[in-house]
């Protein structure tokens, strides 16, 4: 199956791209995808390493809805990594 992964805001700068399409096995979870991205994009590892910790302000959306680690992904899902915003 194929999924589209989008990196918003400063994550774009860290990856050098704003989106990519990844080929995955069927019936994988969001948690698996995050591990795969850490392998493919080492520049993101420290930012998404603990993405599922309660204190982590980063949000992951699957098809526009906040997702949980064990959520199963489907062909053509769109996964968005939304980092915390800072500034004033």
Protein backbone atom coordinates (compact mmCIF):
# COMPACT_ATOMS: atom_id res chain seq x y z
CA UNK A 1 0.00 0.00 0.00
CA UNK A 2 1.02 3.61 -0.46
CA UNK A 3 0.55 6.48 1.98
CA UNK A 4 1.30 10.17 1.63
CA UNK A 5 3.26 11.78 4.45
CA UNK A 6 3.29 15.57 4.86
CA UNK A 7 5.73 17.54 6.99
CA UNK A 8 4.44 20.94 8.07
CA UNK A 9 6.18 24.11 9.21
CA UNK A 10 9.76 23.66 10.48
CA UNK A 11 9.68 19.90 9.83
CA UNK A 12 9.88 20.80 6.14
CA UNK A 13 13.21 22.48 6.80
CA UNK A 14 14.50 19.42 8.69
CA UNK A 15 13.54 16.99 5.91
CA UNK A 16 14.15 19.23 2.92
CA UNK A 17 10.76 18.19 1.51
CA UNK A 18 7.15 18.99 2.28
CA UNK A 19 5.71 15.59 1.44
CA UNK A 20 6.56 12.12 0.23
CA UNK A 21 4.82 8.93 -0.74
CA UNK A 22 5.88 5.76 1.06
CA UNK A 23 5.28 2.15 0.11
CA UNK A 24 4.35 0.05 3.15
CA UNK A 25 3.16 -3.47 3.83
CA UNK A 26 -0.57 -3.92 4.35
CA UNK A 27 -2.05 -3.66 7.87
CA UNK A 28 0.69 -1.59 9.47
CA UNK A 29 0.08 0.86 12.30
CA UNK A 30 0.92 4.53 12.64
CA UNK A 31 3.51 3.50 15.22
CA UNK A 32 5.23 1.35 12.55
CA UNK A 33 5.20 4.27 10.11
CA UNK A 34 6.86 6.56 12.67
CA UNK A 35 9.64 3.99 13.16
CA UNK A 36 10.07 3.72 9.39
CA UNK A 37 10.32 7.51 9.04
CA UNK A 38 12.98 7.63 11.76
CA UNK A 39 15.04 5.19 9.65
CA UNK A 40 14.44 7.07 6.39
CA UNK A 41 14.76 10.59 7.80
CA UNK A 42 17.44 10.59 10.53
CA UNK A 43 17.13 14.38 10.75
CA UNK A 44 13.67 13.88 12.28
CA UNK A 45 14.59 11.17 14.78
CA UNK A 46 15.05 13.43 17.80
CA UNK A 47 11.83 15.32 17.01
CA UNK A 48 9.56 12.30 16.53
CA UNK A 49 11.35 9.81 18.77
CA UNK A 50 8.84 10.30 21.58
CA UNK A 51 5.95 11.58 19.49
CA UNK A 52 3.41 9.42 21.34
CA UNK A 53 4.41 10.58 24.84
CA UNK A 54 1.60 12.49 26.54
CA UNK A 55 3.81 15.55 27.10
CA UNK A 56 4.89 15.76 23.45
CA UNK A 57 3.03 18.63 21.75
CA UNK A 58 3.46 17.27 18.19
CA UNK A 59 0.25 16.08 16.55
CA UNK A 60 -0.11 13.41 13.89
CA UNK A 61 -3.21 13.47 11.74
CA UNK A 62 -4.44 10.61 9.57
CA UNK A 63 -6.88 11.85 6.96
CA UNK A 64 -7.43 15.01 9.00
CA UNK A 65 -8.14 13.30 12.33
CA UNK A 66 -5.78 13.10 15.32
CA UNK A 67 -4.38 9.57 15.36
CA UNK A 68 -3.28 7.08 17.99
CA UNK A 69 -0.13 4.90 17.76
CA UNK A 70 -2.01 1.61 17.20
CA UNK A 71 -4.22 3.01 14.45
CA UNK A 72 -4.09 0.84 11.33
CA UNK A 73 -3.19 2.61 8.13
CA UNK A 74 -4.88 2.03 4.79
CA UNK A 75 -3.89 2.49 1.18
CA UNK A 76 -3.83 6.16 0.17
CA UNK A 77 -4.05 7.51 3.72
CA UNK A 78 -2.64 10.99 4.23
CA UNK A 79 -0.50 11.37 7.34
CA UNK A 80 0.40 14.88 8.52
CA UNK A 81 3.07 15.69 11.09
CA UNK A 82 2.10 18.94 12.79
CA UNK A 83 4.84 20.24 15.08
CA UNK A 84 4.25 22.63 17.97
CA UNK A 85 4.23 26.32 17.16
CA UNK A 86 6.27 28.76 19.21
CA UNK A 87 6.80 32.44 19.04
CA UNK A 88 4.97 35.51 20.06
